[in-house]
Amino acid sequence: NAQDQLVQIGGMSRAWQALASKAAAEGKEPPPADWWEVALENGSTAVLIRSKADWPRVAEIVKGRQAAIFTLDEIGRLLTAYGDIVAAKLTFDGAAVEKVRTYSTPLGDDLNQALGIGA
């Protein structure tokens, strides 16, 4: 019933508060609210953060893990370098990156022109 649920919610709230207090007492800081993690196919993790200002704190939190930290500026530079991905997303509404292949030779101007990318 609703009363039992409220009791459970109160217990969980107190448990999270106790964990936060213990972490603070040990000098641990919570991660930035705008921090995202994604598992990579090689078993490592990419951590996305908003700015370089969060880097030292996040680096300390992920220390010992196989985690690469990227700022949004870095992601922007990567997408600029791989502009065909951005062009495809702009050209095809709702397009999703599901698989990325690399080619030893360029696909060619004919295909790029047909797809409307790389002009």
PDB file of N, CA and C in Angstrom:
ATOM      1  N   ASN A   1       0.827  -1.198   0.000  1.00  0.00           N
ATOM      2  CA  ASN A   1       0.000   0.000   0.000  1.00  0.00           C
ATOM      3  C   ASN A   1       0.865   1.251   0.000  1.00  0.00           C
ATOM      4  N   ALA A   2       0.233   2.382  -0.106  1.00  0.00           N
ATOM      5  CA  ALA A   2       0.956   3.654  -0.226  1.00  0.00           C
ATOM      6  C   ALA A   2       1.790   3.944   1.022  1.00  0.00           C
ATOM      7  N   GLN A   3       1.290   3.609   2.200  1.00  0.00           N
ATOM      8  CA  GLN A   3       2.029   3.876   3.441  1.00  0.00           C
ATOM      9  C   GLN A   3       3.328   3.070   3.473  1.00  0.00           C
ATOM     10  N   ASP A   4       3.269   1.797   3.045  1.00  0.00           N
ATOM     11  CA  ASP A   4       4.477   0.969   3.002  1.00  0.00           C
ATOM     12  C   ASP A   4       5.497   1.547   2.019  1.00  0.00           C
ATOM     13  N   GLN A   5       5.014   2.046   0.895  1.00  0.00           N
ATOM     14  CA  GLN A   5       5.908   2.642  -0.090  1.00  0.00           C
ATOM     15  C   GLN A   5       6.585   3.890   0.465  1.00  0.00           C
ATOM     16  N   LEU A   6       5.850   4.692   1.197  1.00  0.00           N
ATOM     17  CA  LEU A   6       6.439   5.892   1.799  1.00  0.00           C
ATOM     18  C   LEU A   6       7.520   5.522   2.803  1.00  0.00           C
ATOM     19  N   VAL A   7       7.299   4.463   3.562  1.00  0.00           N
ATOM     20  CA  VAL A   7       8.308   4.002   4.519  1.00  0.00           C
ATOM     21  C   VAL A   7       9.564   3.564   3.768  1.00  0.00           C
ATOM     22  N   GLN A   8       9.404   2.802   2.678  1.00  0.00           N
ATOM     23  CA  GLN A   8      10.539   2.356   1.884  1.00  0.00           C
ATOM     24  C   GLN A   8      11.297   3.535   1.272  1.00  0.00           C
ATOM     25  N   ILE A   9      10.560   4.493   0.759  1.00  0.00           N
ATOM     26  CA  ILE A   9      11.180   5.687   0.158  1.00  0.00           C
ATOM     27  C   ILE A   9      11.991   6.436   1.204  1.00  0.00           C
ATOM     28  N   GLY A  10      11.428   6.595   2.397  1.00  0.00           N
ATOM     29  CA  GLY A  10      12.147   7.277   3.473  1.00  0.00           C
ATOM     30  C   GLY A  10      13.428   6.547   3.841  1.00  0.00           C
ATOM     31  N   GLY A  11      13.369   5.222   3.886  1.00  0.00           N
ATOM     32  CA  GLY A  11      14.552   4.422   4.208  1.00  0.00           C
ATOM     33  C   GLY A  11      15.638   4.575   3.155  1.00  0.00           C
ATOM     34  N   MET A  12      15.247   4.527   1.895  1.00  0.00           N
ATOM     35  CA  MET A  12      16.231   4.696   0.818  1.00  0.00           C
ATOM     36  C   MET A  12      16.829   6.099   0.834  1.00  0.00           C
ATOM     37  N   SER A  13      16.017   7.083   1.110  1.00  0.00           N
ATOM     38  CA  SER A  13      16.516   8.460   1.176  1.00  0.00           C
ATOM     39  C   SER A  13      17.563   8.590   2.276  1.00  0.00           C
ATOM     40  N   ARG A  14      17.280   8.010   3.439  1.00  0.00           N
ATOM     41  CA  ARG A  14      18.246   8.063   4.548  1.00  0.00           C
ATOM     42  C   ARG A  14      19.524   7.299   4.191  1.00  0.00           C
ATOM     43  N   ALA A  15      19.388   6.189   3.479  1.00  0.00           N
ATOM     44  CA  ALA A  15      20.560   5.403   3.082  1.00  0.00           C
ATOM     45  C   ALA A  15      21.454   6.206   2.132  1.00  0.00           C
ATOM     46  N   TRP A  16      20.849   6.864   1.141  1.00  0.00           N
ATOM     47  CA  TRP A  16      21.635   7.676   0.206  1.00  0.00           C
ATOM     48  C   TRP A  16      22.289   8.847   0.931  1.00  0.00           C
ATOM     49  N   GLN A  17      21.583   9.454   1.867  1.00  0.00           N
ATOM     50  CA  GLN A  17      22.161  10.565   2.630  1.00  0.00           C
ATOM     51  C   GLN A  17      23.343  10.077   3.467  1.00  0.00           C
ATOM     52  N   ALA A  18      23.241   8.880   4.046  1.00  0.00           N
ATOM     53  CA  ALA A  18      24.337   8.322   4.841  1.00  0.00           C
ATOM     54  C   ALA A  18      25.554   8.048   3.948  1.00  0.00           C
ATOM     55  N   LEU A  19      25.320   7.503   2.763  1.00  0.00           N
ATOM     56  CA  LEU A  19      26.426   7.266   1.837  1.00  0.00           C
ATOM     57  C   LEU A  19      27.097   8.572   1.426  1.00  0.00           C
ATOM     58  N   ALA A  20      26.301   9.592   1.149  1.00  0.00           N
ATOM     59  CA  ALA A  20      26.854  10.902   0.759  1.00  0.00           C
ATOM     60  C   ALA A  20      27.663  11.494   1.908  1.00  0.00           C
ATOM     61  N   SER A  21      27.182  11.357   3.135  1.00  0.00           N
ATOM     62  CA  SER A  21      27.907  11.877   4.299  1.00  0.00           C
ATOM     63  C   SER A  21      29.238  11.162   4.484  1.00  0.00           C
ATOM     64  N   LYS A  22      29.218   9.830   4.334  1.00  0.00           N
ATOM     65  CA  LYS A  22      30.456   9.049   4.473  1.00  0.00           C
ATOM     66  C   LYS A  22      31.463   9.451   3.391  1.00  0.00           C
ATOM     67  N   ALA A  23      31.002   9.599   2.162  1.00  0.00           N
ATOM     68  CA  ALA A  23      31.887  10.003   1.074  1.00  0.00           C
ATOM     69  C   ALA A  23      32.474  11.382   1.348  1.00  0.00           C
ATOM     70  N   ALA A  24      31.649  12.318   1.820  1.00  0.00           N
ATOM     71  CA  ALA A  24      32.137  13.669   2.121  1.00  0.00           C
ATOM     72  C   ALA A  24      33.162  13.631   3.257  1.00  0.00           C
ATOM     73  N   ALA A  25      32.919  12.793   4.259  1.00  0.00           N
ATOM     74  CA  ALA A  25      33.852  12.678   5.384  1.00  0.00           C
ATOM     75  C   ALA A  25      35.202  12.133   4.922  1.00  0.00           C
ATOM     76  N   GLU A  26      35.193  11.339   3.856  1.00  0.00           N
ATOM     77  CA  GLU A  26      36.440  10.786   3.315  1.00  0.00           C
ATOM     78  C   GLU A  26      37.042  11.685   2.239  1.00  0.00           C
ATOM     79  N   GLY A  27      36.462  12.872   2.068  1.00  0.00           N
ATOM     80  CA  GLY A  27      37.007  13.822   1.101  1.00  0.00           C
ATOM     81  C   GLY A  27      36.619  13.546  -0.334  1.00  0.00           C
ATOM     82  N   LYS A  28      35.647  12.706  -0.543  1.00  0.00           N
ATOM     83  CA  LYS A  28      35.192  12.388  -1.899  1.00  0.00           C
ATOM     84  C   LYS A  28      34.132  13.398  -2.325  1.00  0.00           C
ATOM     85  N   GLU A  29      34.236  13.823  -3.570  1.00  0.00           N
ATOM     86  CA  GLU A  29      33.242  14.748  -4.116  1.00  0.00           C
ATOM     87  C   GLU A  29      32.353  14.020  -5.099  1.00  0.00           C
ATOM     88  N   PRO A  30      31.101  14.417  -5.179  1.00  0.00           N
ATOM     89  CA  PRO A  30      30.235  13.787  -6.182  1.00  0.00           C
ATOM     90  C   PRO A  30      30.672  14.213  -7.578  1.00  0.00           C
ATOM     91  N   PRO A  31      30.402  13.368  -8.567  1.00  0.00           N
ATOM     92  CA  PRO A  31      30.758  13.758  -9.931  1.00  0.00           C
ATOM     93  C   PRO A  31      29.906  14.935 -10.380  1.00  0.00           C
ATOM     94  N   PRO A  32      30.365  15.671 -11.381  1.00  0.00           N
ATOM     95  CA  PRO A  32      29.537  16.757 -11.906  1.00  0.00           C
ATOM     96  C   PRO A  32      28.204  16.209 -12.401  1.00  0.00           C
ATOM     97  N   ALA A  33      27.173  17.000 -12.288  1.00  0.00           N
ATOM     98  CA  ALA A  33      25.852  16.557 -12.738  1.00  0.00           C
ATOM     99  C   ALA A  33      25.819  16.331 -14.239  1.00  0.00           C
ATOM    100  N   ASP A  34      26.635  17.071 -14.955  1.00  0.00           N
ATOM    101  CA  ASP A  34      26.645  16.937 -16.411  1.00  0.00           C
ATOM    102  C   ASP A  34      27.826  16.070 -16.865  1.00  0.00           C
ATOM    103  N   TRP A  35      27.862  14.840 -16.370  1.00  0.00           N
ATOM    104  CA  TRP A  35      28.888  13.868 -16.692  1.00  0.00           C
ATOM    105  C   TRP A  35      28.167  12.635 -17.230  1.00  0.00           C
ATOM    106  N   TRP A  36      28.622  12.142 -18.369  1.00  0.00           N
ATOM    107  CA  TRP A  36      28.000  10.968 -18.966  1.00  0.00           C
ATOM    108  C   TRP A  36      29.070   9.937 -19.256  1.00  0.00           C
ATOM    109  N   GLU A  37      28.724   8.663 -19.113  1.00  0.00           N
ATOM    110  CA  GLU A  37      29.633   7.574 -19.440  1.00  0.00           C
ATOM    111  C   GLU A  37      29.001   6.702 -20.510  1.00  0.00           C
ATOM    112  N   VAL A  38      29.859   6.175 -21.379  1.00  0.00           N
ATOM    113  CA  VAL A  38      29.393   5.222 -22.384  1.00  0.00           C
ATOM    114  C   VAL A  38      30.439   4.112 -22.495  1.00  0.00           C
ATOM    115  N   ALA A  39      29.956   2.866 -22.482  1.00  0.00           N
ATOM    116  CA  ALA A  39      30.853   1.723 -22.640  1.00  0.00           C
ATOM    117  C   ALA A  39      31.262   1.617 -24.106  1.00  0.00           C
ATOM    118  N   LEU A  40      32.548   1.377 -24.326  1.00  0.00           N
ATOM    119  CA  LEU A  40      33.069   1.219 -25.678  1.00  0.00           C
ATOM    120  C   LEU A  40      33.264  -0.269 -25.978  1.00  0.00           C
ATOM    121  N   GLU A  41      33.285  -0.600 -27.252  1.00  0.00           N
ATOM    122  CA  GLU A  41      33.372  -2.000 -27.662  1.00  0.00           C
ATOM    123  C   GLU A  41      34.644  -2.692 -27.180  1.00  0.00           C
ATOM    124  N   ASN A  42      35.698  -1.928 -26.923  1.00  0.00           N
ATOM    125  CA  ASN A  42      36.960  -2.533 -26.479  1.00  0.00           C
ATOM    126  C   ASN A  42      37.005  -2.776 -24.971  1.00  0.00           C
ATOM    127  N   GLY A  43      35.894  -2.500 -24.283  1.00  0.00           N
ATOM    128  CA  GLY A  43      35.823  -2.729 -22.842  1.00  0.00           C
ATOM    129  C   GLY A  43      36.157  -1.513 -22.002  1.00  0.00           C
ATOM    130  N   SER A  44      36.659  -0.472 -22.614  1.00  0.00           N
ATOM    131  CA  SER A  44      36.945   0.752 -21.861  1.00  0.00           C
ATOM    132  C   SER A  44      35.685   1.620 -21.801  1.00  0.00           C
ATOM    133  N   THR A  45      35.814   2.750 -21.174  1.00  0.00           N
ATOM    134  CA  THR A  45      34.698   3.671 -21.015  1.00  0.00           C
ATOM    135  C   THR A  45      35.115   5.047 -21.498  1.00  0.00           C
ATOM    136  N   ALA A  46      34.204   5.737 -22.166  1.00  0.00           N
ATOM    137  CA  ALA A  46      34.410   7.145 -22.503  1.00  0.00           C
ATOM    138  C   ALA A  46      33.557   7.952 -21.530  1.00  0.00           C
ATOM    139  N   VAL A  47      34.180   8.935 -20.908  1.00  0.00           N
ATOM    140  CA  VAL A  47      33.483   9.824 -19.988  1.00  0.00           C
ATOM    141  C   VAL A  47      33.384  11.184 -20.661  1.00  0.00           C
ATOM    142  N   LEU A  48      32.172  11.671 -20.814  1.00  0.00           N
ATOM    143  CA  LEU A  48      31.949  12.964 -21.455  1.00  0.00           C
ATOM    144  C   LEU A  48      31.646  14.001 -20.394  1.00  0.00           C
ATOM    145  N   ILE A  49      32.405  15.097 -20.436  1.00  0.00           N
ATOM    146  CA  ILE A  49      32.202  16.184 -19.484  1.00  0.00           C
ATOM    147  C   ILE A  49      32.017  17.487 -20.254  1.00  0.00           C
ATOM    148  N   ARG A  50      31.416  18.450 -19.598  1.00  0.00           N
ATOM    149  CA  ARG A  50      31.109  19.716 -20.256  1.00  0.00           C
ATOM    150  C   ARG A  50      32.356  20.532 -20.547  1.00  0.00           C
ATOM    151  N   SER A  51      33.252  20.646 -19.570  1.00  0.00           N
ATOM    152  CA  SER A  51      34.398  21.539 -19.779  1.00  0.00           C
ATOM    153  C   SER A  51      35.645  21.007 -19.085  1.00  0.00           C
ATOM    154  N   LYS A  52      36.774  21.603 -19.449  1.00  0.00           N
ATOM    155  CA  LYS A  52      38.059  21.246 -18.849  1.00  0.00           C
ATOM    156  C   LYS A  52      38.085  21.500 -17.343  1.00  0.00           C
ATOM    157  N   ALA A  53      37.256  22.418 -16.886  1.00  0.00           N
ATOM    158  CA  ALA A  53      37.242  22.742 -15.459  1.00  0.00           C
ATOM    159  C   ALA A  53      36.881  21.527 -14.606  1.00  0.00           C
ATOM    160  N   ASP A  54      36.067  20.610 -15.154  1.00  0.00           N
ATOM    161  CA  ASP A  54      35.663  19.409 -14.414  1.00  0.00           C
ATOM    162  C   ASP A  54      36.690  18.281 -14.501  1.00  0.00           C
ATOM    163  N   TRP A  55      37.682  18.430 -15.374  1.00  0.00           N
ATOM    164  CA  TRP A  55      38.633  17.360 -15.649  1.00  0.00           C
ATOM    165  C   TRP A  55      39.335  16.830 -14.398  1.00  0.00           C
ATOM    166  N   PRO A  56      39.962  17.672 -13.563  1.00  0.00           N
ATOM    167  CA  PRO A  56      40.705  17.126 -12.416  1.00  0.00           C
ATOM    168  C   PRO A  56      39.824  16.294 -11.472  1.00  0.00           C
ATOM    169  N   ARG A  57      38.633  16.786 -11.205  1.00  0.00           N
ATOM    170  CA  ARG A  57      37.742  16.070 -10.289  1.00  0.00           C
ATOM    171  C   ARG A  57      37.300  14.738 -10.899  1.00  0.00           C
ATOM    172  N   VAL A  58      36.942  14.742 -12.177  1.00  0.00           N
ATOM    173  CA  VAL A  58      36.511  13.508 -12.832  1.00  0.00           C
ATOM    174  C   VAL A  58      37.682  12.528 -12.951  1.00  0.00           C
ATOM    175  N   ALA A  59      38.866  13.040 -13.279  1.00  0.00           N
ATOM    176  CA  ALA A  59      40.052  12.179 -13.387  1.00  0.00           C
ATOM    177  C   ALA A  59      40.321  11.463 -12.063  1.00  0.00           C
ATOM    178  N   GLU A  60      40.123  12.160 -10.966  1.00  0.00           N
ATOM    179  CA  GLU A  60      40.321  11.546  -9.649  1.00  0.00           C
ATOM    180  C   GLU A  60      39.268  10.467  -9.392  1.00  0.00           C
ATOM    181  N   ILE A  61      38.047  10.728  -9.789  1.00  0.00           N
ATOM    182  CA  ILE A  61      36.956   9.767  -9.570  1.00  0.00           C
ATOM    183  C   ILE A  61      37.163   8.495 -10.389  1.00  0.00           C
ATOM    184  N   VAL A  62      37.642   8.624 -11.620  1.00  0.00           N
ATOM    185  CA  VAL A  62      37.786   7.443 -12.492  1.00  0.00           C
ATOM    186  C   VAL A  62      39.181   6.813 -12.410  1.00  0.00           C
ATOM    187  N   LYS A  63      40.019   7.337 -11.535  1.00  0.00           N
ATOM    188  CA  LYS A  63      41.387   6.817 -11.391  1.00  0.00           C
ATOM    189  C   LYS A  63      41.342   5.299 -11.186  1.00  0.00           C
ATOM    190  N   GLY A  64      42.198   4.588 -11.930  1.00  0.00           N
ATOM    191  CA  GLY A  64      42.258   3.145 -11.809  1.00  0.00           C
ATOM    192  C   GLY A  64      41.325   2.406 -12.754  1.00  0.00           C
ATOM    193  N   ARG A  65      40.451   3.133 -13.406  1.00  0.00           N
ATOM    194  CA  ARG A  65      39.544   2.528 -14.387  1.00  0.00           C
ATOM    195  C   ARG A  65      40.102   2.783 -15.780  1.00  0.00           C
ATOM    196  N   GLN A  66      39.714   1.977 -16.730  1.00  0.00           N
ATOM    197  CA  GLN A  66      40.109   2.204 -18.117  1.00  0.00           C
ATOM    198  C   GLN A  66      39.071   3.161 -18.707  1.00  0.00           C
ATOM    199  N   ALA A  67      39.232   4.453 -18.390  1.00  0.00           N
ATOM    200  CA  ALA A  67      38.255   5.473 -18.792  1.00  0.00           C
ATOM    201  C   ALA A  67      38.966   6.649 -19.434  1.00  0.00           C
ATOM    202  N   ALA A  68      38.533   6.992 -20.635  1.00  0.00           N
ATOM    203  CA  ALA A  68      39.077   8.146 -21.351  1.00  0.00           C
ATOM    204  C   ALA A  68      38.094   9.294 -21.192  1.00  0.00           C
ATOM    205  N   ILE A  69      38.594  10.446 -20.777  1.00  0.00           N
ATOM    206  CA  ILE A  69      37.747  11.613 -20.533  1.00  0.00           C
ATOM    207  C   ILE A  69      37.790  12.528 -21.748  1.00  0.00           C
ATOM    208  N   PHE A  70      36.615  12.943 -22.207  1.00  0.00           N
ATOM    209  CA  PHE A  70      36.488  13.853 -23.342  1.00  0.00           C
ATOM    210  C   PHE A  70      35.622  15.039 -22.949  1.00  0.00           C
ATOM    211  N   THR A  71      36.053  16.242 -23.330  1.00  0.00           N
ATOM    212  CA  THR A  71      35.201  17.414 -23.152  1.00  0.00           C
ATOM    213  C   THR A  71      34.304  17.563 -24.382  1.00  0.00           C
ATOM    214  N   LEU A  72      33.258  18.362 -24.253  1.00  0.00           N
ATOM    215  CA  LEU A  72      32.387  18.618 -25.399  1.00  0.00           C
ATOM    216  C   LEU A  72      33.159  19.294 -26.524  1.00  0.00           C
ATOM    217  N   ASP A  73      34.121  20.155 -26.187  1.00  0.00           N
ATOM    218  CA  ASP A  73      34.951  20.783 -27.222  1.00  0.00           C
ATOM    219  C   ASP A  73      35.716  19.729 -28.020  1.00  0.00           C
ATOM    220  N   GLU A  74      36.244  18.723 -27.330  1.00  0.00           N
ATOM    221  CA  GLU A  74      36.973  17.664 -28.025  1.00  0.00           C
ATOM    222  C   GLU A  74      36.042  16.873 -28.942  1.00  0.00           C
ATOM    223  N   ILE A  75      34.848  16.576 -28.470  1.00  0.00           N
ATOM    224  CA  ILE A  75      33.877  15.864 -29.303  1.00  0.00           C
ATOM    225  C   ILE A  75      33.561  16.700 -30.538  1.00  0.00           C
ATOM    226  N   GLY A  76      33.437  18.011 -30.360  1.00  0.00           N
ATOM    227  CA  GLY A  76      33.210  18.899 -31.496  1.00  0.00           C
ATOM    228  C   GLY A  76      34.336  18.829 -32.506  1.00  0.00           C
ATOM    229  N   ARG A  77      35.580  18.786 -32.023  1.00  0.00           N
ATOM    230  CA  ARG A  77      36.722  18.694 -32.929  1.00  0.00           C
ATOM    231  C   ARG A  77      36.740  17.350 -33.662  1.00  0.00           C
ATOM    232  N   LEU A  78      36.389  16.272 -32.959  1.00  0.00           N
ATOM    233  CA  LEU A  78      36.335  14.957 -33.606  1.00  0.00           C
ATOM    234  C   LEU A  78      35.261  14.926 -34.694  1.00  0.00           C
ATOM    235  N   LEU A  79      34.101  15.490 -34.397  1.00  0.00           N
ATOM    236  CA  LEU A  79      33.026  15.503 -35.396  1.00  0.00           C
ATOM    237  C   LEU A  79      33.376  16.398 -36.579  1.00  0.00           C
ATOM    238  N   THR A  80      34.116  17.465 -36.319  1.00  0.00           N
ATOM    239  CA  THR A  80      34.573  18.321 -37.417  1.00  0.00           C
ATOM    240  C   THR A  80      35.537  17.545 -38.313  1.00  0.00           C
ATOM    241  N   ALA A  81      36.424  16.769 -37.706  1.00  0.00           N
ATOM    242  CA  ALA A  81      37.388  15.978 -38.477  1.00  0.00           C
ATOM    243  C   ALA A  81      36.696  14.880 -39.286  1.00  0.00           C
ATOM    244  N   TYR A  82      35.602  14.360 -38.763  1.00  0.00           N
ATOM    245  CA  TYR A  82      34.829  13.328 -39.467  1.00  0.00           C
ATOM    246  C   TYR A  82      33.516  13.942 -39.919  1.00  0.00           C
ATOM    247  N   GLY A  83      33.626  14.983 -40.744  1.00  0.00           N
ATOM    248  CA  GLY A  83      32.472  15.772 -41.182  1.00  0.00           C
ATOM    249  C   GLY A  83      31.416  14.994 -41.938  1.00  0.00           C
ATOM    250  N   ASP A  84      31.798  13.872 -42.555  1.00  0.00           N
ATOM    251  CA  ASP A  84      30.800  13.083 -43.281  1.00  0.00           C
ATOM    252  C   ASP A  84      29.724  12.553 -42.341  1.00  0.00           C
ATOM    253  N   ILE A  85      30.086  12.272 -41.095  1.00  0.00           N
ATOM    254  CA  ILE A  85      29.094  11.805 -40.122  1.00  0.00           C
ATOM    255  C   ILE A  85      28.070  12.905 -39.874  1.00  0.00           C
ATOM    256  N   VAL A  86      28.553  14.117 -39.677  1.00  0.00           N
ATOM    257  CA  VAL A  86      27.656  15.250 -39.439  1.00  0.00           C
ATOM    258  C   VAL A  86      26.799  15.507 -40.673  1.00  0.00           C
ATOM    259  N   ALA A  87      27.414  15.456 -41.845  1.00  0.00           N
ATOM    260  CA  ALA A  87      26.671  15.686 -43.091  1.00  0.00           C
ATOM    261  C   ALA A  87      25.561  14.656 -43.266  1.00  0.00           C
ATOM    262  N   ALA A  88      25.837  13.400 -42.940  1.00  0.00           N
ATOM    263  CA  ALA A  88      24.813  12.356 -43.062  1.00  0.00           C
ATOM    264  C   ALA A  88      23.656  12.620 -42.105  1.00  0.00           C
ATOM    265  N   LYS A  89      23.978  13.043 -40.883  1.00  0.00           N
ATOM    266  CA  LYS A  89      22.923  13.339 -39.903  1.00  0.00           C
ATOM    267  C   LYS A  89      22.082  14.531 -40.353  1.00  0.00           C
ATOM    268  N   LEU A  90      22.720  15.515 -40.989  1.00  0.00           N
ATOM    269  CA  LEU A  90      21.985  16.685 -41.476  1.00  0.00           C
ATOM    270  C   LEU A  90      21.154  16.350 -42.712  1.00  0.00           C
ATOM    271  N   THR A  91      21.645  15.420 -43.521  1.00  0.00           N
ATOM    272  CA  THR A  91      20.970  15.062 -44.770  1.00  0.00           C
ATOM    273  C   THR A  91      19.796  14.115 -44.544  1.00  0.00           C
ATOM    274  N   PHE A  92      19.978  13.144 -43.660  1.00  0.00           N
ATOM    275  CA  PHE A  92      18.958  12.120 -43.448  1.00  0.00           C
ATOM    276  C   PHE A  92      18.327  12.302 -42.070  1.00  0.00           C
ATOM    277  N   ASP A  93      17.136  12.877 -42.044  1.00  0.00           N
ATOM    278  CA  ASP A  93      16.421  13.133 -40.798  1.00  0.00           C
ATOM    279  C   ASP A  93      16.245  11.835 -40.007  1.00  0.00           C
ATOM    280  N   GLY A  94      16.638  11.843 -38.773  1.00  0.00           N
ATOM    281  CA  GLY A  94      16.493  10.666 -37.919  1.00  0.00           C
ATOM    282  C   GLY A  94      17.606   9.645 -38.056  1.00  0.00           C
ATOM    283  N   ALA A  95      18.642   9.958 -38.850  1.00  0.00           N
ATOM    284  CA  ALA A  95      19.744   9.010 -39.029  1.00  0.00           C
ATOM    285  C   ALA A  95      20.441   8.744 -37.699  1.00  0.00           C
ATOM    286  N   ALA A  96      20.856   7.499 -37.520  1.00  0.00           N
ATOM    287  CA  ALA A  96      21.557   7.104 -36.297  1.00  0.00           C
ATOM    288  C   ALA A  96      22.868   6.424 -36.671  1.00  0.00           C
ATOM    289  N   VAL A  97      23.911   6.689 -35.915  1.00  0.00           N
ATOM    290  CA  VAL A  97      25.189   6.024 -36.132  1.00  0.00           C
ATOM    291  C   VAL A  97      25.106   4.665 -35.430  1.00  0.00           C
ATOM    292  N   GLU A  98      25.047   3.613 -36.224  1.00  0.00           N
ATOM    293  CA  GLU A  98      24.945   2.268 -35.667  1.00  0.00           C
ATOM    294  C   GLU A  98      26.235   1.482 -35.825  1.00  0.00           C
ATOM    295  N   LYS A  99      26.989   1.796 -36.863  1.00  0.00           N
ATOM    296  CA  LYS A  99      28.247   1.109 -37.109  1.00  0.00           C
ATOM    297  C   LYS A  99      29.150   2.060 -37.878  1.00  0.00           C
ATOM    298  N   VAL A 100      30.428   2.023 -37.567  1.00  0.00           N
ATOM    299  CA  VAL A 100      31.393   2.865 -38.277  1.00  0.00           C
ATOM    300  C   VAL A 100      32.417   1.946 -38.921  1.00  0.00           C
ATOM    301  N   ARG A 101      32.622   2.143 -40.204  1.00  0.00           N
ATOM    302  CA  ARG A 101      33.625   1.367 -40.948  1.00  0.00           C
ATOM    303  C   ARG A 101      34.689   2.339 -41.449  1.00  0.00           C
ATOM    304  N   THR A 102      35.878   1.849 -41.546  1.00  0.00           N
ATOM    305  CA  THR A 102      36.934   2.651 -42.149  1.00  0.00           C
ATOM    306  C   THR A 102      37.347   1.968 -43.451  1.00  0.00           C
ATOM    307  N   TYR A 103      37.753   2.767 -44.398  1.00  0.00           N
ATOM    308  CA  TYR A 103      38.146   2.264 -45.707  1.00  0.00           C
ATOM    309  C   TYR A 103      39.575   2.709 -45.999  1.00  0.00           C
ATOM    310  N   SER A 104      40.325   1.833 -46.647  1.00  0.00           N
ATOM    311  CA  SER A 104      41.703   2.181 -46.959  1.00  0.00           C
ATOM    312  C   SER A 104      41.774   3.142 -48.142  1.00  0.00           C
ATOM    313  N   THR A 105      40.732   3.187 -48.953  1.00  0.00           N
ATOM    314  CA  THR A 105      40.686   4.131 -50.070  1.00  0.00           C
ATOM    315  C   THR A 105      39.407   4.941 -49.957  1.00  0.00           C
ATOM    316  N   PRO A 106      39.432   6.185 -50.418  1.00  0.00           N
ATOM    317  CA  PRO A 106      38.218   7.017 -50.348  1.00  0.00           C
ATOM    318  C   PRO A 106      37.084   6.380 -51.150  1.00  0.00           C
ATOM    319  N   LEU A 107      35.862   6.647 -50.713  1.00  0.00           N
ATOM    320  CA  LEU A 107      34.695   6.105 -51.405  1.00  0.00           C
ATOM    321  C   LEU A 107      34.536   6.712 -52.788  1.00  0.00           C
ATOM    322  N   GLY A 108      35.038   7.890 -52.985  1.00  0.00           N
ATOM    323  CA  GLY A 108      34.958   8.513 -54.304  1.00  0.00           C
ATOM    324  C   GLY A 108      33.941   9.633 -54.352  1.00  0.00           C
ATOM    325  N   ASP A 109      34.227  10.586 -55.229  1.00  0.00           N
ATOM    326  CA  ASP A 109      33.372  11.758 -55.367  1.00  0.00           C
ATOM    327  C   ASP A 109      31.980  11.407 -55.876  1.00  0.00           C
ATOM    328  N   ASP A 110      31.848  10.359 -56.721  1.00  0.00           N
ATOM    329  CA  ASP A 110      30.532   9.999 -57.262  1.00  0.00           C
ATOM    330  C   ASP A 110      29.565   9.655 -56.140  1.00  0.00           C
ATOM    331  N   LEU A 111      30.005   8.769 -55.232  1.00  0.00           N
ATOM    332  CA  LEU A 111      29.139   8.350 -54.142  1.00  0.00           C
ATOM    333  C   LEU A 111      28.855   9.506 -53.198  1.00  0.00           C
ATOM    334  N   ASN A 112      29.889  10.256 -52.868  1.00  0.00           N
ATOM    335  CA  ASN A 112      29.686  11.407 -51.982  1.00  0.00           C
ATOM    336  C   ASN A 112      28.699  12.393 -52.575  1.00  0.00           C
ATOM    337  N   GLN A 113      28.841  12.650 -53.884  1.00  0.00           N
ATOM    338  CA  GLN A 113      27.924  13.589 -54.542  1.00  0.00           C
ATOM    339  C   GLN A 113      26.494  13.041 -54.558  1.00  0.00           C
ATOM    340  N   ALA A 114      26.356  11.743 -54.816  1.00  0.00           N
ATOM    341  CA  ALA A 114      25.029  11.116 -54.825  1.00  0.00           C
ATOM    342  C   ALA A 114      24.364  11.200 -53.453  1.00  0.00           C
ATOM    343  N   LEU A 115      25.171  11.098 -52.395  1.00  0.00           N
ATOM    344  CA  LEU A 115      24.634  11.182 -51.045  1.00  0.00           C
ATOM    345  C   LEU A 115      24.529  12.626 -50.548  1.00  0.00           C
ATOM    346  N   GLY A 116      25.107  13.544 -51.299  1.00  0.00           N
ATOM    347  CA  GLY A 116      25.062  14.953 -50.902  1.00  0.00           C
ATOM    348  C   GLY A 116      25.996  15.289 -49.765  1.00  0.00           C
ATOM    349  N   ILE A 117      27.127  14.577 -49.662  1.00  0.00           N
ATOM    350  CA  ILE A 117      28.068  14.849 -48.576  1.00  0.00           C
ATOM    351  C   ILE A 117      29.448  15.173 -49.139  1.00  0.00           C
ATOM    352  N   GLY A 118      30.197  15.916 -48.362  1.00  0.00           N
ATOM    353  CA  GLY A 118      31.581  16.207 -48.678  1.00  0.00           C
ATOM    354  C   GLY A 118      31.826  17.136 -49.837  1.00  0.00           C
ATOM    355  N   ALA A 119      30.818  17.831 -50.309  1.00  0.00           N
ATOM    356  CA  ALA A 119      30.956  18.652 -51.524  1.00  0.00           C
ATOM    357  C   ALA A 119      32.055  19.638 -51.432  1.00  0.00           C
TER     358      ALA A 119
END
